[in-house]
Amino acid sequence: MTGQPVGGVPVKAFPMARSEARLLVPALMFIALVVAAVGSLGTPLITSVATSFHVTLGSAQWTLTVALLSGAVATPVLGRLGAGPHRRATILATLAVVVAGSALTVLPLPFAWLLAGRAAQGVGLGLTALMMGVARDHLPEERSTAVIALISVVSIIGAGVGYPLAALLAELGGVRAAYGLGLVVTAAALLTAWRSIPEAPEGRSAHVDVAGAVVLAAALLLVLFLAGERNLWSRHLAVAAGLAGVAVVLLCVWAVIELRSTTPLVDVRAVRHPAVAGANLAMFVGGIGMYLLLTLITRYAQTPHGAGYGFGLTTFVAGLVLIPFSVLGFVAGKLTPRVRTRIADPLLLGGSAVVVGGGFALFAAARSDLAELFAAMGVLGFGVGGFSAAMPGVILAVTPKSETSSAMSFNYVVRSVGYSLGSAIGGLILAAGTGPGHLFPDDSAYTTAALVGIGAMAITTLTSLALARRRSSETNP
């Protein structure tokens, strides 16, 4: 098996025996699942962290935001390193950082150390794209396509796996016990990687654009900060708008740096390819919608009956609502590689976006019974699973094998920003629908948010159909 030529020299992949390939696939899945689940550990523990460390809920929210931020910054850097000859060392070193961060979250240290540990755990989110690069290099093409699709799905449903487990451990043994789960599974992931991850093919080189990484980190910090600080938009709109302008300027500066660099962090020229640009736009808008519905359903389930709606579920029981999301997401991920032999990836993106839109419509129309929430979450999971499984195919169809990690890492940065904005938009809509002196928003605010989500998924569907039309015209001139 050979990769794309680098500098005129053919890149030779290391052939693997069938038994080795069988061991490699579950290892890649396990590592992708672990880093996704650990990265999302902050979600169900925010209230418990605020209580245990005697900090505000806004401060506790940073246990999630800082992980998303470090993951968004680390992803393109790891993607570039993963495109080079030291991919195995990069994966092992990154997992070692995640294990060290997990230890910090368990030890009886002040809140600042918890944030540092969560930031270190978030770095692991950048490994998903590297797992795809390993699969594309060391598995037969047909097998690697299916595995890459499942890795993409697993990176999504990991949150659904980690949420209820962390919530249960928090109820039984407190915050440290819940974070202890992260320490155990990340240590297992490090051991798995050490035993299973092969060396990268020969003939590759990769350099990290430090200036580009610093500017991108600053821009993403502002974007995620603005996404998380909802009160800033409602109370200091001018300041928030100004910071948003600064973030846009930094992103433009970053793009200029990348275009001028001989060793860019992200190949912006490749990103400008219509197929890649369209896929990233679909991922961005679709990510907003997907995470918006996930946020709405989990928050609605935990709203006490006294608000006139909701079910008053505990954190753990609310986490169980995510089980249909994870199960049907995995089912969609398994089905997609078979369906894509008959239906083009862009059409699968569009169809999956329609399914997610159906989840929004179901939630908007019927949420008076807990079974209806389970149904909406299942529909969401099936749509997200199909969308995530089809996305790599759209991008990798026009991406050299040697650039797999770098190309997919940028897509995951886009996804992270979309998810953060989806959470923020949901919070802003619900805040706007909360009357003076009330703790909870009106029930109609959830309907409004659902309609916004339907609009986002409509845009995603149209973008995907445009991609399909372009591919069809290129295939049949």
Protein backbone atom coordinates (compact mmCIF):
# COMPACT_ATOMS: atom_id res chain seq x y z
CA MET A 1 0.00 0.00 0.00
CA THR A 2 1.45 3.40 -0.94
CA GLY A 3 0.53 6.90 0.08
CA GLN A 4 0.74 10.20 -1.75
CA PRO A 5 4.18 11.29 -2.93
CA VAL A 6 5.95 13.83 -0.79
CA GLY A 7 8.56 15.91 -2.51
CA GLY A 8 8.52 13.48 -5.41
CA VAL A 9 9.28 10.48 -3.18
CA PRO A 10 6.60 7.78 -2.95
CA VAL A 11 5.34 7.30 0.59
CA LYS A 12 5.24 3.64 1.54
CA ALA A 13 2.80 2.53 4.19
CA PHE A 14 3.64 -0.33 6.48
CA PRO A 15 1.58 -3.37 5.46
CA MET A 16 -0.12 -5.06 8.37
CA ALA A 17 -1.01 -8.68 8.87
CA ARG A 18 -4.72 -9.46 9.08
CA SER A 19 -4.47 -10.28 12.79
CA GLU A 20 -2.67 -7.00 13.45
CA ALA A 21 -5.37 -5.11 11.55
CA ARG A 22 -8.05 -6.80 13.66
CA LEU A 23 -6.32 -5.54 16.80
CA LEU A 24 -5.74 -2.08 15.36
CA VAL A 25 -9.39 -1.32 14.60
CA PRO A 26 -10.76 -1.80 18.16
CA ALA A 27 -7.72 0.10 19.50
CA LEU A 28 -8.51 3.09 17.29
CA MET A 29 -12.17 2.96 18.31
CA PHE A 30 -11.35 2.70 21.99
CA ILE A 31 -8.93 5.64 21.95
CA ALA A 32 -11.39 7.83 20.02
CA LEU A 33 -14.18 6.90 22.45
CA VAL A 34 -12.05 7.60 25.52
CA VAL A 35 -10.84 11.05 24.47
CA ALA A 36 -14.40 12.05 23.48
CA ALA A 37 -15.93 10.79 26.73
CA VAL A 38 -13.23 12.37 28.91
CA GLY A 39 -13.49 15.66 27.06
CA SER A 40 -17.22 15.79 27.84
CA LEU A 41 -16.87 14.86 31.53
CA GLY A 42 -17.36 18.50 32.54
CA THR A 43 -20.94 18.62 31.24
CA PRO A 44 -22.80 16.68 33.97
CA LEU A 45 -20.48 17.80 36.77
CA ILE A 46 -20.81 21.60 36.57
CA THR A 47 -23.26 21.90 39.48
CA SER A 48 -21.30 19.42 41.60
CA VAL A 49 -18.04 21.27 40.93
CA ALA A 50 -19.61 24.59 41.94
CA THR A 51 -20.82 23.06 45.20
CA SER A 52 -17.64 21.11 46.02
CA PHE A 53 -15.19 23.93 45.24
CA HIS A 54 -17.44 26.79 46.42
CA VAL A 55 -17.30 28.64 43.10
CA THR A 56 -20.03 30.15 40.94
CA LEU A 57 -21.76 28.17 38.23
CA GLY A 58 -20.13 30.49 35.70
CA SER A 59 -16.69 29.55 37.01
CA ALA A 60 -17.60 25.86 37.12
CA GLN A 61 -18.73 26.10 33.48
CA TRP A 62 -15.08 26.65 32.58
CA THR A 63 -14.34 23.01 33.42
CA LEU A 64 -16.12 22.28 30.14
CA THR A 65 -15.11 25.40 28.19
CA VAL A 66 -11.38 25.07 28.91
CA ALA A 67 -11.41 21.47 27.63
CA LEU A 68 -13.16 22.54 24.42
CA LEU A 69 -10.69 25.41 24.02
CA SER A 70 -7.54 23.32 24.51
CA GLY A 71 -8.99 20.67 22.21
CA ALA A 72 -9.76 23.21 19.48
CA VAL A 73 -6.24 24.67 19.71
CA ALA A 74 -4.47 21.30 19.95
CA THR A 75 -6.39 19.68 17.09
CA PRO A 76 -4.71 21.46 14.13
CA VAL A 77 -1.29 21.25 15.81
CA LEU A 78 -1.66 17.52 16.41
CA GLY A 79 -3.06 17.13 12.92
CA ARG A 80 0.08 18.65 11.44
CA LEU A 81 2.35 16.56 13.66
CA GLY A 82 0.30 13.50 12.77
CA ALA A 83 1.03 14.13 9.10
CA GLY A 84 4.75 13.71 9.78
CA PRO A 85 7.05 10.81 10.61
CA HIS A 86 6.54 10.98 14.40
CA ARG A 87 2.81 10.27 14.55
CA ARG A 88 3.12 7.35 17.00
CA ALA A 89 5.26 9.44 19.37
CA THR A 90 2.76 12.31 19.06
CA ILE A 91 -0.15 10.05 19.98
CA LEU A 92 1.67 8.55 22.98
CA ALA A 93 2.87 11.94 24.24
CA THR A 94 -0.61 13.42 23.91
CA LEU A 95 -2.20 10.56 25.82
CA ALA A 96 0.47 10.95 28.51
CA VAL A 97 -0.58 14.61 28.85
CA VAL A 98 -4.22 13.52 29.12
CA VAL A 99 -3.36 10.98 31.83
CA ALA A 100 -1.42 13.63 33.76
CA GLY A 101 -4.36 16.00 33.46
CA SER A 102 -6.72 13.28 34.66
CA ALA A 103 -4.54 12.80 37.74
CA LEU A 104 -4.81 16.53 38.50
CA THR A 105 -8.62 16.31 38.44
CA VAL A 106 -8.57 13.49 41.00
CA LEU A 107 -6.00 14.83 43.47
CA PRO A 108 -7.29 17.03 46.35
CA LEU A 109 -6.00 20.29 44.86
CA PRO A 110 -7.55 23.79 44.52
CA PHE A 111 -9.96 24.72 41.74
CA ALA A 112 -7.22 26.24 39.55
CA TRP A 113 -5.52 22.84 39.35
CA LEU A 114 -8.80 21.25 38.34
CA LEU A 115 -9.02 23.69 35.43
CA ALA A 116 -5.43 22.88 34.47
CA GLY A 117 -6.27 19.19 34.51
CA ARG A 118 -9.35 19.70 32.38
CA ALA A 119 -7.30 21.71 29.88
CA ALA A 120 -4.82 18.83 29.65
CA GLN A 121 -7.67 16.36 29.18
CA GLY A 122 -9.09 18.51 26.38
CA VAL A 123 -5.85 18.17 24.41
CA GLY A 124 -6.86 14.57 23.75
CA LEU A 125 -9.77 15.74 21.60
CA GLY A 126 -7.21 16.43 18.89
CA LEU A 127 -6.38 12.72 18.58
CA THR A 128 -9.52 11.77 16.65
CA ALA A 129 -8.11 13.03 13.34
CA LEU A 130 -4.86 11.13 13.99
CA MET A 131 -6.82 7.90 14.51
CA MET A 132 -8.31 8.47 11.06
CA GLY A 133 -4.85 8.99 9.60
CA VAL A 134 -3.64 5.71 11.08
CA ALA A 135 -6.66 3.86 9.67
CA ARG A 136 -6.19 5.35 6.20
CA ASP A 137 -2.50 4.47 6.12
CA HIS A 138 -2.56 0.94 7.52
CA LEU A 139 -5.88 -0.59 6.44
CA PRO A 140 -7.12 -1.56 2.97
CA GLU A 141 -9.05 1.26 1.35
CA GLU A 142 -12.49 -0.30 1.65
CA ARG A 143 -11.89 -1.26 5.29
CA SER A 144 -10.35 2.09 6.19
CA THR A 145 -13.36 3.98 4.80
CA ALA A 146 -15.75 2.13 7.12
CA VAL A 147 -13.39 2.47 10.11
CA ILE A 148 -12.90 6.22 9.56
CA ALA A 149 -16.67 6.67 9.44
CA LEU A 150 -17.07 4.81 12.74
CA ILE A 151 -14.25 6.79 14.38
CA SER A 152 -16.11 9.96 13.42
CA VAL A 153 -19.33 8.61 14.94
CA VAL A 154 -17.62 7.36 18.10
CA SER A 155 -16.12 10.82 18.65
CA ILE A 156 -19.70 12.13 18.82
CA ILE A 157 -21.44 9.44 20.86
CA GLY A 158 -18.62 9.40 23.41
CA ALA A 159 -20.43 12.21 25.21
CA GLY A 160 -23.50 10.01 25.52
CA VAL A 161 -21.41 7.26 27.08
CA GLY A 162 -19.50 9.46 29.50
CA TYR A 163 -22.42 11.60 30.69
CA PRO A 164 -24.51 9.02 32.63
CA LEU A 165 -21.44 7.22 34.02
CA ALA A 166 -19.92 10.45 35.33
CA ALA A 167 -23.25 11.57 36.78
CA LEU A 168 -23.75 8.23 38.58
CA LEU A 169 -20.24 8.29 40.04
CA ALA A 170 -20.73 11.91 41.14
CA GLU A 171 -23.91 10.94 43.00
CA LEU A 172 -22.26 7.92 44.64
CA GLY A 173 -18.79 9.23 45.44
CA GLY A 174 -18.59 12.92 44.60
CA VAL A 175 -16.76 14.88 41.91
CA ARG A 176 -13.37 13.23 42.49
CA ALA A 177 -14.86 9.77 41.95
CA ALA A 178 -16.41 10.90 38.66
CA TYR A 179 -13.10 12.32 37.45
CA GLY A 180 -11.43 9.12 38.62
CA LEU A 181 -13.25 7.38 35.78
CA GLY A 182 -11.31 9.63 33.40
CA LEU A 183 -7.99 8.65 34.97
CA VAL A 184 -8.70 4.93 34.65
CA VAL A 185 -9.84 4.97 31.03
CA THR A 186 -7.14 7.37 29.81
CA ALA A 187 -4.44 5.20 31.38
CA ALA A 188 -6.00 2.22 29.59
CA ALA A 189 -6.02 4.22 26.32
CA LEU A 190 -2.32 5.06 26.72
CA LEU A 191 -1.46 1.38 27.24
CA THR A 192 -3.61 0.43 24.24
CA ALA A 193 -1.88 2.99 22.02
CA TRP A 194 1.57 1.86 23.15
CA ARG A 195 0.78 -1.73 22.22
CA SER A 196 -1.23 -1.17 19.03
CA ILE A 197 -0.40 2.06 17.17
CA PRO A 198 2.12 1.45 14.34
CA GLU A 199 4.77 3.85 13.11
CA ALA A 200 3.85 6.30 10.36
CA PRO A 201 4.85 5.54 6.75
CA GLU A 202 8.33 6.61 5.68
CA GLY A 203 9.12 9.65 3.60
CA ARG A 204 6.91 12.20 5.35
CA SER A 205 7.84 15.44 7.01
CA ALA A 206 5.82 17.93 9.04
CA HIS A 207 6.65 21.25 10.68
CA VAL A 208 4.41 23.21 13.03
CA ASP A 209 3.67 26.82 12.14
CA VAL A 210 4.13 28.34 15.62
CA ALA A 211 2.96 31.85 14.66
CA GLY A 212 -0.18 30.45 13.07
CA ALA A 213 -0.87 28.28 16.11
CA VAL A 214 -0.58 31.27 18.49
CA VAL A 215 -2.90 33.50 16.43
CA LEU A 216 -5.41 30.69 15.97
CA ALA A 217 -5.34 29.99 19.72
CA ALA A 218 -6.09 33.65 20.48
CA ALA A 219 -8.96 33.73 17.97
CA LEU A 220 -10.49 30.51 19.28
CA LEU A 221 -10.14 31.70 22.87
CA LEU A 222 -12.25 34.75 22.03
CA VAL A 223 -14.80 32.71 20.09
CA LEU A 224 -15.30 30.13 22.84
CA PHE A 225 -15.26 32.81 25.54
CA LEU A 226 -18.01 34.72 23.75
CA ALA A 227 -19.95 31.49 23.25
CA GLY A 228 -19.77 30.68 26.95
CA GLU A 229 -20.38 34.15 28.43
CA ARG A 230 -24.08 34.57 27.67
CA ASN A 231 -24.51 37.39 30.18
CA LEU A 232 -21.99 39.48 28.26
CA TRP A 233 -24.27 39.52 25.21
CA SER A 234 -27.36 40.43 27.21
CA ARG A 235 -25.77 43.08 29.45
CA HIS A 236 -22.80 44.44 27.48
CA LEU A 237 -23.71 43.96 23.83
CA ALA A 238 -21.21 46.57 22.56
CA VAL A 239 -18.30 44.88 24.36
CA ALA A 240 -19.33 41.46 23.09
CA ALA A 241 -19.67 42.75 19.52
CA GLY A 242 -16.25 44.40 19.76
CA LEU A 243 -14.61 41.19 20.94
CA ALA A 244 -16.36 39.30 18.15
CA GLY A 245 -14.86 41.78 15.69
CA VAL A 246 -11.40 41.20 17.15
CA ALA A 247 -11.89 37.44 16.77
CA VAL A 248 -12.80 37.87 13.09
CA VAL A 249 -9.71 40.03 12.51
CA LEU A 250 -7.49 37.44 14.20
CA LEU A 251 -8.95 34.68 12.03
CA CYS A 252 -8.24 36.78 8.92
CA VAL A 253 -4.67 37.38 10.10
CA TRP A 254 -4.30 33.66 10.73
CA ALA A 255 -5.49 32.89 7.20
CA VAL A 256 -2.92 35.32 5.75
CA ILE A 257 -0.14 33.73 7.85
CA GLU A 258 -1.13 30.26 6.65
CA LEU A 259 -1.22 31.32 3.00
CA ARG A 260 2.27 32.81 3.23
CA SER A 261 3.80 29.97 5.25
CA THR A 262 5.77 27.25 3.51
CA THR A 263 4.71 24.85 6.28
CA PRO A 264 1.17 25.97 7.21
CA LEU A 265 -0.64 24.64 10.23
CA VAL A 266 -3.65 24.07 7.95
CA ASP A 267 -3.43 24.06 4.17
CA VAL A 268 -5.84 26.95 3.61
CA ARG A 269 -5.63 26.50 -0.15
CA ALA A 270 -6.90 22.95 0.22
CA VAL A 271 -9.59 24.15 2.62
CA ARG A 272 -10.77 26.54 -0.10
CA HIS A 273 -11.54 23.59 -2.39
CA PRO A 274 -15.33 23.79 -2.96
CA ALA A 275 -15.92 20.30 -1.61
CA VAL A 276 -13.89 20.89 1.55
CA ALA A 277 -15.24 24.41 2.10
CA GLY A 278 -18.81 23.21 1.63
CA ALA A 279 -18.29 20.28 3.99
CA ASN A 280 -16.84 22.56 6.66
CA LEU A 281 -19.75 25.01 6.25
CA ALA A 282 -22.19 22.13 6.63
CA MET A 283 -20.28 20.92 9.69
CA PHE A 284 -20.31 24.40 11.25
CA VAL A 285 -24.03 25.13 10.78
CA GLY A 286 -25.00 21.51 11.39
CA GLY A 287 -22.90 21.45 14.56
CA ILE A 288 -24.79 24.48 15.86
CA GLY A 289 -28.09 22.72 15.29
CA MET A 290 -27.04 19.32 16.63
CA TYR A 291 -25.64 20.62 19.90
CA LEU A 292 -28.57 23.04 20.28
CA LEU A 293 -31.06 20.15 20.34
CA LEU A 294 -28.85 18.10 22.66
CA THR A 295 -28.74 21.06 25.07
CA LEU A 296 -32.48 21.70 24.86
CA ILE A 297 -33.52 18.12 25.58
CA THR A 298 -31.17 17.57 28.54
CA ARG A 299 -32.10 20.91 30.10
CA TYR A 300 -35.83 20.33 29.57
CA ALA A 301 -35.60 16.90 31.19
CA GLN A 302 -34.02 18.37 34.35
CA THR A 303 -36.47 21.29 34.72
CA PRO A 304 -38.60 20.72 37.87
CA HIS A 305 -42.35 20.23 37.59
CA GLY A 306 -42.88 23.53 39.42
CA ALA A 307 -41.96 25.39 36.25
CA GLY A 308 -45.15 24.11 34.62
CA TYR A 309 -43.31 21.67 32.39
CA GLY A 310 -40.26 19.41 32.55
CA PHE A 311 -39.66 16.19 34.46
CA GLY A 312 -37.35 17.14 37.35
CA LEU A 313 -34.87 14.37 36.56
CA THR A 314 -31.64 14.01 38.47
CA THR A 315 -28.37 14.46 36.59
CA PHE A 316 -27.88 10.70 36.34
CA VAL A 317 -31.41 9.92 35.12
CA ALA A 318 -31.22 12.82 32.67
CA GLY A 319 -28.00 11.28 31.41
CA LEU A 320 -29.91 8.09 30.61
CA VAL A 321 -31.89 10.12 28.08
CA LEU A 322 -28.66 10.16 26.07
CA ILE A 323 -28.65 6.38 25.68
CA PRO A 324 -30.94 6.43 22.59
CA PHE A 325 -28.65 9.11 21.17
CA SER A 326 -25.57 6.92 21.54
CA VAL A 327 -27.17 3.65 20.47
CA LEU A 328 -28.90 4.96 17.34
CA GLY A 329 -25.87 7.09 16.50
CA PHE A 330 -23.72 3.97 16.47
CA VAL A 331 -26.33 2.10 14.41
CA ALA A 332 -26.31 4.90 11.83
CA GLY A 333 -22.52 4.82 11.78
CA LYS A 334 -22.55 1.09 11.02
CA LEU A 335 -25.17 1.46 8.30
CA THR A 336 -23.65 4.45 6.52
CA PRO A 337 -20.66 2.66 4.90
CA ARG A 338 -23.10 0.20 3.31
CA VAL A 339 -25.50 2.89 2.13
CA ARG A 340 -22.75 5.09 0.69
CA THR A 341 -22.05 2.46 -1.98
CA ARG A 342 -25.38 3.54 -3.52
CA ILE A 343 -25.76 7.12 -2.29
CA ALA A 344 -23.08 9.80 -2.55
CA ASP A 345 -21.65 11.19 0.70
CA PRO A 346 -23.02 14.74 0.16
CA LEU A 347 -26.53 13.31 -0.24
CA LEU A 348 -26.04 11.31 2.95
CA LEU A 349 -25.07 14.56 4.70
CA GLY A 350 -28.23 16.21 3.44
CA GLY A 351 -30.41 13.26 4.41
CA SER A 352 -28.88 13.13 7.88
CA ALA A 353 -29.47 16.87 8.32
CA VAL A 354 -33.14 16.29 7.44
CA VAL A 355 -33.31 13.58 10.12
CA VAL A 356 -31.86 15.96 12.73
CA GLY A 357 -34.40 18.56 11.60
CA GLY A 358 -37.06 15.91 12.20
CA GLY A 359 -35.77 15.56 15.75
CA PHE A 360 -36.26 19.30 16.25
CA ALA A 361 -39.79 19.09 14.83
CA LEU A 362 -40.62 16.18 17.12
CA PHE A 363 -39.32 18.05 20.16
CA ALA A 364 -41.23 21.22 19.18
CA ALA A 365 -44.50 19.36 18.70
CA ALA A 366 -44.44 16.68 21.40
CA ARG A 367 -42.53 16.83 24.69
CA SER A 368 -45.18 16.32 27.36
CA ASP A 369 -44.14 12.70 27.95
CA LEU A 370 -40.69 11.39 28.80
CA ALA A 371 -40.98 8.77 26.05
CA GLU A 372 -41.26 11.62 23.54
CA LEU A 373 -37.94 13.04 24.75
CA PHE A 374 -36.35 9.61 24.33
CA ALA A 375 -37.76 9.46 20.81
CA ALA A 376 -36.46 12.93 19.91
CA MET A 377 -33.03 12.05 21.32
CA GLY A 378 -33.00 8.80 19.31
CA VAL A 379 -33.86 10.65 16.10
CA LEU A 380 -31.12 13.17 16.86
CA GLY A 381 -28.61 10.37 17.47
CA PHE A 382 -29.47 8.62 14.21
CA GLY A 383 -29.12 11.86 12.26
CA VAL A 384 -25.88 12.87 13.96
CA GLY A 385 -24.45 9.38 13.48
CA GLY A 386 -25.18 9.40 9.76
CA PHE A 387 -23.90 12.95 9.36
CA SER A 388 -20.66 12.21 11.20
CA ALA A 389 -20.06 8.99 9.27
CA ALA A 390 -20.58 10.66 5.88
CA MET A 391 -18.52 13.80 6.59
CA PRO A 392 -15.02 12.23 6.29
CA GLY A 393 -15.89 10.79 2.88
CA VAL A 394 -16.70 14.23 1.49
CA ILE A 395 -13.40 15.72 2.66
CA LEU A 396 -11.06 12.78 2.10
CA ALA A 397 -12.29 12.27 -1.47
CA VAL A 398 -10.23 15.34 -2.44
CA THR A 399 -7.49 15.03 0.18
CA PRO A 400 -4.09 13.29 -0.27
CA LYS A 401 -3.58 10.36 2.08
CA SER A 402 -0.63 12.07 3.75
CA GLU A 403 -2.86 15.04 4.70
CA THR A 404 -5.68 13.01 6.28
CA SER A 405 -4.93 14.06 9.87
CA SER A 406 -4.45 17.73 8.97
CA ALA A 407 -7.60 17.98 6.82
CA MET A 408 -9.85 16.25 9.35
CA SER A 409 -8.37 18.20 12.25
CA PHE A 410 -9.56 21.47 10.72
CA ASN A 411 -13.03 19.97 10.31
CA TYR A 412 -13.03 19.11 14.00
CA VAL A 413 -12.05 22.65 14.93
CA VAL A 414 -15.04 23.86 12.91
CA ARG A 415 -17.21 21.29 14.68
CA SER A 416 -16.02 22.40 18.13
CA VAL A 417 -16.81 26.04 17.39
CA GLY A 418 -20.22 25.05 15.99
CA TYR A 419 -21.03 23.02 19.09
CA SER A 420 -20.01 25.88 21.37
CA LEU A 421 -22.15 28.36 19.45
CA GLY A 422 -25.07 25.92 19.47
CA SER A 423 -24.90 25.70 23.25
CA ALA A 424 -24.61 29.49 23.53
CA ILE A 425 -27.50 30.18 21.14
CA GLY A 426 -29.71 27.80 23.09
CA GLY A 427 -28.80 29.55 26.33
CA LEU A 428 -29.49 33.00 24.87
CA ILE A 429 -32.90 31.98 23.49
CA LEU A 430 -33.96 30.42 26.79
CA ALA A 431 -32.62 33.43 28.74
CA ALA A 432 -34.65 35.77 26.51
CA GLY A 433 -37.71 33.65 27.25
CA THR A 434 -37.29 33.86 31.02
CA GLY A 435 -39.59 36.42 32.58
CA PRO A 436 -38.50 38.87 35.31
CA GLY A 437 -38.21 37.15 38.66
CA HIS A 438 -38.49 33.69 37.14
CA LEU A 439 -35.81 30.99 37.41
CA PHE A 440 -36.93 29.02 34.37
CA PRO A 441 -37.87 30.08 30.85
CA ASP A 442 -41.38 29.82 29.48
CA ASP A 443 -42.19 26.59 27.71
CA SER A 444 -42.64 28.55 24.47
CA ALA A 445 -38.93 29.49 24.56
CA TYR A 446 -38.07 25.86 23.87
CA THR A 447 -40.36 25.89 20.85
CA THR A 448 -38.64 29.05 19.58
CA ALA A 449 -35.22 27.44 20.00
CA ALA A 450 -36.44 24.33 18.17
CA LEU A 451 -37.61 26.46 15.23
CA VAL A 452 -34.19 28.11 15.09
CA GLY A 453 -32.65 24.64 15.00
CA ILE A 454 -34.91 23.61 12.12
CA GLY A 455 -33.64 26.67 10.23
CA ALA A 456 -30.02 25.70 10.90
CA MET A 457 -30.59 22.17 9.63
CA ALA A 458 -32.36 23.53 6.53
CA ILE A 459 -29.24 25.55 5.71
CA THR A 460 -27.11 22.45 6.30
CA THR A 461 -29.33 20.41 3.98
CA LEU A 462 -29.15 23.01 1.19
CA THR A 463 -25.36 23.20 1.53
CA SER A 464 -25.10 19.41 1.29
CA LEU A 465 -27.35 19.30 -1.77
CA ALA A 466 -25.17 21.95 -3.44
CA LEU A 467 -22.16 19.72 -2.75
CA ALA A 468 -23.95 16.74 -4.25
CA ARG A 469 -24.88 18.71 -7.35
CA ARG A 470 -21.30 19.86 -7.82
CA ARG A 471 -19.93 16.34 -7.44
CA SER A 472 -22.50 15.05 -9.93
CA SER A 473 -21.49 17.69 -12.50
CA GLU A 474 -17.80 16.82 -12.04
CA THR A 475 -18.47 13.09 -12.37
CA ASN A 476 -20.77 13.46 -15.38
CA PRO A 477 -19.48 16.46 -17.39
